[in-house]
């Protein structure tokens, strides 16, 4: 079992291009079915969740390839990688 606090210290890396995306800042959880739907990584230029244009990496759970001791490997195509999030965090735009 993994604690959320442990999960948030892991570096996220895209295996397709080797790019380091950052560390996990949030999780999207389906409370009705009791499962994690996606991980959220602050977008480029964000510092501790602040000072950015509002784009975060929202990575669906199905795109996670491996969760290691220090790193989470994901498979993300460039076109699908960044989704705009509203300031409330509850709605998404495509």
PDB file of N, CA and C in Angstrom:
ATOM      1  N   UNK A   1       0.843  -1.171   0.000  1.00  0.00           N
ATOM      2  CA  UNK A   1       0.000   0.000   0.000  1.00  0.00           C
ATOM      3  C   UNK A   1       0.897   1.245   0.000  1.00  0.00           C
ATOM      4  N   UNK A   2       0.446   2.292  -0.679  1.00  0.00           N
ATOM      5  CA  UNK A   2       1.210   3.538  -0.786  1.00  0.00           C
ATOM      6  C   UNK A   2       0.385   4.688  -0.217  1.00  0.00           C
ATOM      7  N   UNK A   3       1.010   5.507   0.606  1.00  0.00           N
ATOM      8  CA  UNK A   3       0.357   6.702   1.141  1.00  0.00           C
ATOM      9  C   UNK A   3       0.423   7.820   0.113  1.00  0.00           C
ATOM     10  N   UNK A   4      -0.543   8.705   0.112  1.00  0.00           N
ATOM     11  CA  UNK A   4      -0.537   9.839  -0.819  1.00  0.00           C
ATOM     12  C   UNK A   4       0.710  10.684  -0.607  1.00  0.00           C
ATOM     13  N   UNK A   5       1.119  10.884   0.631  1.00  0.00           N
ATOM     14  CA  UNK A   5       2.311  11.697   0.905  1.00  0.00           C
ATOM     15  C   UNK A   5       3.563  11.068   0.291  1.00  0.00           C
ATOM     16  N   UNK A   6       3.655   9.747   0.287  1.00  0.00           N
ATOM     17  CA  UNK A   6       4.782   9.067  -0.357  1.00  0.00           C
ATOM     18  C   UNK A   6       4.705   9.214  -1.875  1.00  0.00           C
ATOM     19  N   UNK A   7       3.514   9.140  -2.399  1.00  0.00           N
ATOM     20  CA  UNK A   7       3.288   9.240  -3.841  1.00  0.00           C
ATOM     21  C   UNK A   7       3.703  10.618  -4.356  1.00  0.00           C
ATOM     22  N   UNK A   8       3.484  11.654  -3.554  1.00  0.00           N
ATOM     23  CA  UNK A   8       3.770  13.030  -3.976  1.00  0.00           C
ATOM     24  C   UNK A   8       5.265  13.351  -4.020  1.00  0.00           C
ATOM     25  N   UNK A   9       6.103  12.491  -3.508  1.00  0.00           N
ATOM     26  CA  UNK A   9       7.548  12.751  -3.552  1.00  0.00           C
ATOM     27  C   UNK A   9       8.212  12.124  -4.776  1.00  0.00           C
ATOM     28  N   UNK A  10       7.463  11.362  -5.552  1.00  0.00           N
ATOM     29  CA  UNK A  10       8.029  10.670  -6.706  1.00  0.00           C
ATOM     30  C   UNK A  10       8.080  11.574  -7.939  1.00  0.00           C
ATOM     31  N   UNK A  11       9.172  11.486  -8.673  1.00  0.00           N
ATOM     32  CA  UNK A  11       9.353  12.217  -9.928  1.00  0.00           C
ATOM     33  C   UNK A  11       8.573  11.489 -11.027  1.00  0.00           C
ATOM     34  N   UNK A  12       7.901  12.242 -11.894  1.00  0.00           N
ATOM     35  CA  UNK A  12       7.150  11.662 -13.009  1.00  0.00           C
ATOM     36  C   UNK A  12       7.959  11.865 -14.288  1.00  0.00           C
ATOM     37  N   UNK A  13       8.185  10.763 -15.029  1.00  0.00           N
ATOM     38  CA  UNK A  13       8.986  10.797 -16.251  1.00  0.00           C
ATOM     39  C   UNK A  13       8.194  10.157 -17.388  1.00  0.00           C
ATOM     40  N   UNK A  14       8.168  10.838 -18.539  1.00  0.00           N
ATOM     41  CA  UNK A  14       7.528  10.306 -19.734  1.00  0.00           C
ATOM     42  C   UNK A  14       8.510   9.374 -20.435  1.00  0.00           C
ATOM     43  N   UNK A  15       8.139   8.100 -20.597  1.00  0.00           N
ATOM     44  CA  UNK A  15       9.065   7.132 -21.191  1.00  0.00           C
ATOM     45  C   UNK A  15       9.231   7.332 -22.699  1.00  0.00           C
ATOM     46  N   UNK A  16       8.334   8.050 -23.348  1.00  0.00           N
ATOM     47  CA  UNK A  16       8.435   8.233 -24.791  1.00  0.00           C
ATOM     48  C   UNK A  16       9.551   9.191 -25.193  1.00  0.00           C
ATOM     49  N   UNK A  17       9.786  10.213 -24.357  1.00  0.00           N
ATOM     50  CA  UNK A  17      10.840  11.171 -24.695  1.00  0.00           C
ATOM     51  C   UNK A  17      11.844  11.386 -23.559  1.00  0.00           C
ATOM     52  N   UNK A  18      11.650  10.714 -22.427  1.00  0.00           N
ATOM     53  CA  UNK A  18      12.563  10.840 -21.298  1.00  0.00           C
ATOM     54  C   UNK A  18      12.422  12.132 -20.516  1.00  0.00           C
ATOM     55  N   UNK A  19      11.407  12.928 -20.824  1.00  0.00           N
ATOM     56  CA  UNK A  19      11.228  14.225 -20.174  1.00  0.00           C
ATOM     57  C   UNK A  19      10.730  14.063 -18.739  1.00  0.00           C
ATOM     58  N   UNK A  20      11.374  14.800 -17.838  1.00  0.00           N
ATOM     59  CA  UNK A  20      10.936  14.848 -16.440  1.00  0.00           C
ATOM     60  C   UNK A  20       9.800  15.864 -16.361  1.00  0.00           C
ATOM     61  N   UNK A  21       8.630  15.428 -15.926  1.00  0.00           N
ATOM     62  CA  UNK A  21       7.456  16.293 -15.877  1.00  0.00           C
ATOM     63  C   UNK A  21       7.315  17.011 -14.540  1.00  0.00           C
ATOM     64  N   UNK A  22       7.912  16.479 -13.494  1.00  0.00           N
ATOM     65  CA  UNK A  22       7.808  17.087 -12.161  1.00  0.00           C
ATOM     66  C   UNK A  22       7.334  16.055 -11.153  1.00  0.00           C
ATOM     67  N   UNK A  23       6.876  16.538 -10.010  1.00  0.00           N
ATOM     68  CA  UNK A  23       6.358  15.646  -8.972  1.00  0.00           C
ATOM     69  C   UNK A  23       4.844  15.775  -8.893  1.00  0.00           C
ATOM     70  N   UNK A  24       4.207  14.766  -8.383  1.00  0.00           N
ATOM     71  CA  UNK A  24       2.745  14.716  -8.304  1.00  0.00           C
ATOM     72  C   UNK A  24       2.254  15.724  -7.274  1.00  0.00           C
ATOM     73  N   UNK A  25       1.306  16.556  -7.687  1.00  0.00           N
ATOM     74  CA  UNK A  25       0.753  17.545  -6.767  1.00  0.00           C
ATOM     75  C   UNK A  25      -0.651  17.179  -6.299  1.00  0.00           C
ATOM     76  N   UNK A  26      -1.329  16.340  -7.066  1.00  0.00           N
ATOM     77  CA  UNK A  26      -2.720  16.038  -6.745  1.00  0.00           C
ATOM     78  C   UNK A  26      -3.124  14.729  -7.406  1.00  0.00           C
ATOM     79  N   UNK A  27      -4.217  14.170  -6.933  1.00  0.00           N
ATOM     80  CA  UNK A  27      -4.803  12.970  -7.517  1.00  0.00           C
ATOM     81  C   UNK A  27      -6.261  13.249  -7.829  1.00  0.00           C
ATOM     82  N   UNK A  28      -6.767  12.669  -8.906  1.00  0.00           N
ATOM     83  CA  UNK A  28      -8.193  12.705  -9.195  1.00  0.00           C
ATOM     84  C   UNK A  28      -8.741  11.335  -8.827  1.00  0.00           C
ATOM     85  N   UNK A  29      -9.712  11.331  -7.916  1.00  0.00           N
ATOM     86  CA  UNK A  29     -10.240  10.077  -7.390  1.00  0.00           C
ATOM     87  C   UNK A  29     -11.723   9.968  -7.706  1.00  0.00           C
ATOM     88  N   UNK A  30     -12.132   8.813  -8.204  1.00  0.00           N
ATOM     89  CA  UNK A  30     -13.543   8.504  -8.427  1.00  0.00           C
ATOM     90  C   UNK A  30     -14.070   7.935  -7.118  1.00  0.00           C
ATOM     91  N   UNK A  31     -14.763   8.746  -6.348  1.00  0.00           N
ATOM     92  CA  UNK A  31     -15.247   8.314  -5.038  1.00  0.00           C
ATOM     93  C   UNK A  31     -16.339   7.259  -5.158  1.00  0.00           C
ATOM     94  N   UNK A  32     -17.098   7.310  -6.218  1.00  0.00           N
ATOM     95  CA  UNK A  32     -18.188   6.348  -6.405  1.00  0.00           C
ATOM     96  C   UNK A  32     -17.633   4.923  -6.547  1.00  0.00           C
ATOM     97  N   UNK A  33     -16.514   4.783  -7.283  1.00  0.00           N
ATOM     98  CA  UNK A  33     -15.950   3.461  -7.514  1.00  0.00           C
ATOM     99  C   UNK A  33     -14.685   3.191  -6.690  1.00  0.00           C
ATOM    100  N   UNK A  34     -14.219   4.191  -5.950  1.00  0.00           N
ATOM    101  CA  UNK A  34     -13.073   4.012  -5.062  1.00  0.00           C
ATOM    102  C   UNK A  34     -11.769   3.754  -5.783  1.00  0.00           C
ATOM    103  N   UNK A  35     -11.493   4.522  -6.854  1.00  0.00           N
ATOM    104  CA  UNK A  35     -10.236   4.325  -7.579  1.00  0.00           C
ATOM    105  C   UNK A  35      -9.659   5.654  -8.037  1.00  0.00           C
ATOM    106  N   UNK A  36      -8.346   5.658  -8.215  1.00  0.00           N
ATOM    107  CA  UNK A  36      -7.641   6.838  -8.715  1.00  0.00           C
ATOM    108  C   UNK A  36      -7.841   6.898 -10.227  1.00  0.00           C
ATOM    109  N   UNK A  37      -8.306   8.025 -10.721  1.00  0.00           N
ATOM    110  CA  UNK A  37      -8.539   8.206 -12.152  1.00  0.00           C
ATOM    111  C   UNK A  37      -7.335   8.816 -12.858  1.00  0.00           C
ATOM    112  N   UNK A  38      -6.626   9.735 -12.181  1.00  0.00           N
ATOM    113  CA  UNK A  38      -5.508  10.430 -12.816  1.00  0.00           C
ATOM    114  C   UNK A  38      -4.588  11.009 -11.747  1.00  0.00           C
ATOM    115  N   UNK A  39      -3.351  11.281 -12.172  1.00  0.00           N
ATOM    116  CA  UNK A  39      -2.425  12.032 -11.335  1.00  0.00           C
ATOM    117  C   UNK A  39      -2.258  13.407 -11.966  1.00  0.00           C
ATOM    118  N   UNK A  40      -1.972  14.400 -11.143  1.00  0.00           N
ATOM    119  CA  UNK A  40      -1.809  15.774 -11.617  1.00  0.00           C
ATOM    120  C   UNK A  40      -0.414  16.250 -11.250  1.00  0.00           C
ATOM    121  N   UNK A  41       0.282  16.773 -12.256  1.00  0.00           N
ATOM    122  CA  UNK A  41       1.630  17.312 -12.069  1.00  0.00           C
ATOM    123  C   UNK A  41       1.583  18.779 -12.483  1.00  0.00           C
ATOM    124  N   UNK A  42       2.082  19.716 -11.652  1.00  0.00           N
ATOM    125  CA  UNK A  42       2.083  21.130 -12.045  1.00  0.00           C
ATOM    126  C   UNK A  42       2.770  21.322 -13.395  1.00  0.00           C
ATOM    127  N   UNK A  43       2.187  22.173 -14.224  1.00  0.00           N
ATOM    128  CA  UNK A  43       2.724  22.430 -15.549  1.00  0.00           C
ATOM    129  C   UNK A  43       4.048  23.163 -15.518  1.00  0.00           C
ATOM    130  N   UNK A  44       4.629  23.348 -16.694  1.00  0.00           N
ATOM    131  CA  UNK A  44       5.921  24.030 -16.801  1.00  0.00           C
ATOM    132  C   UNK A  44       5.894  25.419 -16.168  1.00  0.00           C
ATOM    133  N   UNK A  45       6.903  25.730 -15.388  1.00  0.00           N
ATOM    134  CA  UNK A  45       7.014  27.046 -14.786  1.00  0.00           C
ATOM    135  C   UNK A  45       6.305  27.205 -13.463  1.00  0.00           C
ATOM    136  N   UNK A  46       5.536  26.200 -13.044  1.00  0.00           N
ATOM    137  CA  UNK A  46       4.851  26.307 -11.756  1.00  0.00           C
ATOM    138  C   UNK A  46       5.821  26.006 -10.636  1.00  0.00           C
ATOM    139  N   UNK A  47       5.701  26.760  -9.561  1.00  0.00           N
ATOM    140  CA  UNK A  47       6.517  26.542  -8.377  1.00  0.00           C
ATOM    141  C   UNK A  47       5.578  26.350  -7.203  1.00  0.00           C
ATOM    142  N   UNK A  48       5.559  25.139  -6.643  1.00  0.00           N
ATOM    143  CA  UNK A  48       4.673  24.803  -5.524  1.00  0.00           C
ATOM    144  C   UNK A  48       3.216  25.102  -5.839  1.00  0.00           C
ATOM    145  N   UNK A  49       2.836  24.921  -7.118  1.00  0.00           N
ATOM    146  CA  UNK A  49       1.452  25.130  -7.519  1.00  0.00           C
ATOM    147  C   UNK A  49       1.091  26.562  -7.837  1.00  0.00           C
ATOM    148  N   UNK A  50       2.079  27.466  -7.850  1.00  0.00           N
ATOM    149  CA  UNK A  50       1.805  28.879  -8.113  1.00  0.00           C
ATOM    150  C   UNK A  50       2.596  29.368  -9.311  1.00  0.00           C
ATOM    151  N   UNK A  51       2.300  30.572  -9.768  1.00  0.00           N
ATOM    152  CA  UNK A  51       3.085  31.288 -10.778  1.00  0.00           C
ATOM    153  C   UNK A  51       3.137  30.586 -12.126  1.00  0.00           C
ATOM    154  N   UNK A  52       1.992  30.201 -12.660  1.00  0.00           N
ATOM    155  CA  UNK A  52       1.969  29.588 -13.977  1.00  0.00           C
ATOM    156  C   UNK A  52       0.702  29.984 -14.705  1.00  0.00           C
ATOM    157  N   UNK A  53       0.624  29.589 -15.971  1.00  0.00           N
ATOM    158  CA  UNK A  53      -0.514  29.944 -16.803  1.00  0.00           C
ATOM    159  C   UNK A  53      -1.745  29.102 -16.503  1.00  0.00           C
ATOM    160  N   UNK A  54      -1.666  28.137 -15.612  1.00  0.00           N
ATOM    161  CA  UNK A  54      -2.828  27.332 -15.259  1.00  0.00           C
ATOM    162  C   UNK A  54      -2.872  25.980 -15.941  1.00  0.00           C
ATOM    163  N   UNK A  55      -1.847  25.636 -16.710  1.00  0.00           N
ATOM    164  CA  UNK A  55      -1.818  24.326 -17.357  1.00  0.00           C
ATOM    165  C   UNK A  55      -1.098  23.322 -16.483  1.00  0.00           C
ATOM    166  N   UNK A  56      -1.758  22.205 -16.246  1.00  0.00           N
ATOM    167  CA  UNK A  56      -1.183  21.122 -15.474  1.00  0.00           C
ATOM    168  C   UNK A  56      -1.122  19.883 -16.358  1.00  0.00           C
ATOM    169  N   UNK A  57      -0.248  18.962 -16.020  1.00  0.00           N
ATOM    170  CA  UNK A  57      -0.253  17.659 -16.669  1.00  0.00           C
ATOM    171  C   UNK A  57      -1.277  16.808 -15.920  1.00  0.00           C
ATOM    172  N   UNK A  58      -2.361  16.427 -16.579  1.00  0.00           N
ATOM    173  CA  UNK A  58      -3.365  15.541 -16.004  1.00  0.00           C
ATOM    174  C   UNK A  58      -3.173  14.199 -16.707  1.00  0.00           C
ATOM    175  N   UNK A  59      -2.620  13.251 -15.991  1.00  0.00           N
ATOM    176  CA  UNK A  59      -2.199  11.988 -16.586  1.00  0.00           C
ATOM    177  C   UNK A  59      -3.138  10.875 -16.124  1.00  0.00           C
ATOM    178  N   UNK A  60      -3.925  10.330 -17.049  1.00  0.00           N
ATOM    179  CA  UNK A  60      -4.844   9.244 -16.675  1.00  0.00           C
ATOM    180  C   UNK A  60      -4.091   8.054 -16.091  1.00  0.00           C
ATOM    181  N   UNK A  61      -4.703   7.383 -15.136  1.00  0.00           N
ATOM    182  CA  UNK A  61      -4.087   6.241 -14.471  1.00  0.00           C
ATOM    183  C   UNK A  61      -3.677   5.167 -15.467  1.00  0.00           C
ATOM    184  N   UNK A  62      -4.441   4.996 -16.538  1.00  0.00           N
ATOM    185  CA  UNK A  62      -4.128   3.975 -17.551  1.00  0.00           C
ATOM    186  C   UNK A  62      -2.804   4.255 -18.271  1.00  0.00           C
ATOM    187  N   UNK A  63      -2.296   5.491 -18.182  1.00  0.00           N
ATOM    188  CA  UNK A  63      -1.040   5.857 -18.840  1.00  0.00           C
ATOM    189  C   UNK A  63       0.180   5.633 -17.945  1.00  0.00           C
ATOM    190  N   UNK A  64      -0.041   5.197 -16.721  1.00  0.00           N
ATOM    191  CA  UNK A  64       1.087   4.905 -15.828  1.00  0.00           C
ATOM    192  C   UNK A  64       1.633   3.531 -16.193  1.00  0.00           C
ATOM    193  N   UNK A  65       2.925   3.481 -16.495  1.00  0.00           N
ATOM    194  CA  UNK A  65       3.582   2.240 -16.900  1.00  0.00           C
ATOM    195  C   UNK A  65       4.145   1.511 -15.689  1.00  0.00           C
ATOM    196  N   UNK A  66       4.797   2.252 -14.799  1.00  0.00           N
ATOM    197  CA  UNK A  66       5.460   1.634 -13.647  1.00  0.00           C
ATOM    198  C   UNK A  66       5.578   2.650 -12.520  1.00  0.00           C
ATOM    199  N   UNK A  67       5.343   2.204 -11.295  1.00  0.00           N
ATOM    200  CA  UNK A  67       5.552   3.032 -10.115  1.00  0.00           C
ATOM    201  C   UNK A  67       6.718   2.412  -9.357  1.00  0.00           C
ATOM    202  N   UNK A  68       7.822   3.143  -9.326  1.00  0.00           N
ATOM    203  CA  UNK A  68       9.013   2.664  -8.646  1.00  0.00           C
ATOM    204  C   UNK A  68       9.193   3.325  -7.295  1.00  0.00           C
ATOM    205  N   UNK A  69      10.335   3.067  -6.678  1.00  0.00           N
ATOM    206  CA  UNK A  69      10.634   3.631  -5.364  1.00  0.00           C
ATOM    207  C   UNK A  69      10.748   5.156  -5.409  1.00  0.00           C
ATOM    208  N   UNK A  70      11.378   5.695  -6.478  1.00  0.00           N
ATOM    209  CA  UNK A  70      11.617   7.136  -6.575  1.00  0.00           C
ATOM    210  C   UNK A  70      10.960   7.801  -7.775  1.00  0.00           C
ATOM    211  N   UNK A  71      10.396   7.008  -8.686  1.00  0.00           N
ATOM    212  CA  UNK A  71       9.917   7.569  -9.940  1.00  0.00           C
ATOM    213  C   UNK A  71       8.621   6.887 -10.393  1.00  0.00           C
ATOM    214  N   UNK A  72       7.806   7.653 -11.124  1.00  0.00           N
ATOM    215  CA  UNK A  72       6.613   7.122 -11.773  1.00  0.00           C
ATOM    216  C   UNK A  72       6.829   7.282 -13.272  1.00  0.00           C
ATOM    217  N   UNK A  73       6.825   6.158 -13.987  1.00  0.00           N
ATOM    218  CA  UNK A  73       7.003   6.201 -15.436  1.00  0.00           C
ATOM    219  C   UNK A  73       5.642   6.225 -16.103  1.00  0.00           C
ATOM    220  N   UNK A  74       5.466   7.186 -17.018  1.00  0.00           N
ATOM    221  CA  UNK A  74       4.192   7.331 -17.720  1.00  0.00           C
ATOM    222  C   UNK A  74       4.436   7.317 -19.222  1.00  0.00           C
ATOM    223  N   UNK A  75       3.406   6.988 -19.970  1.00  0.00           N
ATOM    224  CA  UNK A  75       3.464   7.012 -21.430  1.00  0.00           C
ATOM    225  C   UNK A  75       2.457   8.066 -21.897  1.00  0.00           C
ATOM    226  N   UNK A  76       2.999   9.212 -22.342  1.00  0.00           N
ATOM    227  CA  UNK A  76       2.131  10.311 -22.773  1.00  0.00           C
ATOM    228  C   UNK A  76       2.559  10.825 -24.136  1.00  0.00           C
ATOM    229  N   UNK A  77       1.625  10.844 -25.072  1.00  0.00           N
ATOM    230  CA  UNK A  77       1.870  11.460 -26.372  1.00  0.00           C
ATOM    231  C   UNK A  77       1.884  12.968 -26.185  1.00  0.00           C
ATOM    232  N   UNK A  78       2.691  13.677 -26.960  1.00  0.00           N
ATOM    233  CA  UNK A  78       2.831  15.130 -26.838  1.00  0.00           C
ATOM    234  C   UNK A  78       1.486  15.858 -26.923  1.00  0.00           C
ATOM    235  N   UNK A  79       0.634  15.468 -27.854  1.00  0.00           N
ATOM    236  CA  UNK A  79      -0.637  16.160 -28.071  1.00  0.00           C
ATOM    237  C   UNK A  79      -1.600  16.000 -26.903  1.00  0.00           C
ATOM    238  N   UNK A  80      -1.454  14.948 -26.118  1.00  0.00           N
ATOM    239  CA  UNK A  80      -2.390  14.676 -25.031  1.00  0.00           C
ATOM    240  C   UNK A  80      -1.875  15.108 -23.667  1.00  0.00           C
ATOM    241  N   UNK A  81      -0.649  15.605 -23.602  1.00  0.00           N
ATOM    242  CA  UNK A  81       0.039  15.762 -22.326  1.00  0.00           C
ATOM    243  C   UNK A  81      -0.509  16.873 -21.427  1.00  0.00           C
ATOM    244  N   UNK A  82      -0.828  18.032 -21.979  1.00  0.00           N
ATOM    245  CA  UNK A  82      -1.223  19.159 -21.145  1.00  0.00           C
ATOM    246  C   UNK A  82      -2.696  19.463 -21.329  1.00  0.00           C
ATOM    247  N   UNK A  83      -3.414  19.572 -20.221  1.00  0.00           N
ATOM    248  CA  UNK A  83      -4.808  19.972 -20.243  1.00  0.00           C
ATOM    249  C   UNK A  83      -4.954  21.229 -19.408  1.00  0.00           C
ATOM    250  N   UNK A  84      -5.773  22.160 -19.877  1.00  0.00           N
ATOM    251  CA  UNK A  84      -6.001  23.389 -19.111  1.00  0.00           C
ATOM    252  C   UNK A  84      -6.978  23.088 -17.988  1.00  0.00           C
ATOM    253  N   UNK A  85      -6.670  23.570 -16.798  1.00  0.00           N
ATOM    254  CA  UNK A  85      -7.545  23.396 -15.642  1.00  0.00           C
ATOM    255  C   UNK A  85      -8.036  24.754 -15.197  1.00  0.00           C
ATOM    256  N   UNK A  86      -9.273  24.808 -14.752  1.00  0.00           N
ATOM    257  CA  UNK A  86      -9.797  26.058 -14.212  1.00  0.00           C
ATOM    258  C   UNK A  86      -9.246  26.254 -12.817  1.00  0.00           C
ATOM    259  N   UNK A  87      -9.381  27.456 -12.286  1.00  0.00           N
ATOM    260  CA  UNK A  87      -8.828  27.748 -10.960  1.00  0.00           C
ATOM    261  C   UNK A  87      -9.479  26.927  -9.871  1.00  0.00           C
ATOM    262  N   UNK A  88     -10.732  26.507 -10.078  1.00  0.00           N
ATOM    263  CA  UNK A  88     -11.418  25.683  -9.080  1.00  0.00           C
ATOM    264  C   UNK A  88     -10.941  24.257  -9.066  1.00  0.00           C
ATOM    265  N   UNK A  89     -10.344  23.797 -10.184  1.00  0.00           N
ATOM    266  CA  UNK A  89      -9.807  22.457 -10.227  1.00  0.00           C
ATOM    267  C   UNK A  89     -10.840  21.380 -10.508  1.00  0.00           C
ATOM    268  N   UNK A  90     -12.145  21.756 -10.609  1.00  0.00           N
ATOM    269  CA  UNK A  90     -13.192  20.755 -10.797  1.00  0.00           C
ATOM    270  C   UNK A  90     -13.575  20.555 -12.245  1.00  0.00           C
ATOM    271  N   UNK A  91     -13.242  21.496 -13.108  1.00  0.00           N
ATOM    272  CA  UNK A  91     -13.655  21.403 -14.491  1.00  0.00           C
ATOM    273  C   UNK A  91     -12.436  21.411 -15.396  1.00  0.00           C
ATOM    274  N   UNK A  92     -12.586  20.789 -16.573  1.00  0.00           N
ATOM    275  CA  UNK A  92     -11.488  20.726 -17.527  1.00  0.00           C
ATOM    276  C   UNK A  92     -11.952  21.217 -18.876  1.00  0.00           C
ATOM    277  N   UNK A  93     -11.032  21.808 -19.603  1.00  0.00           N
ATOM    278  CA  UNK A  93     -11.294  22.223 -20.974  1.00  0.00           C
ATOM    279  C   UNK A  93     -10.399  21.421 -21.893  1.00  0.00           C
ATOM    280  N   UNK A  94     -10.919  21.063 -23.081  1.00  0.00           N
ATOM    281  CA  UNK A  94     -10.097  20.328 -24.052  1.00  0.00           C
ATOM    282  C   UNK A  94      -9.714  21.241 -25.190  1.00  0.00           C
TER     283      UNK A  94
END
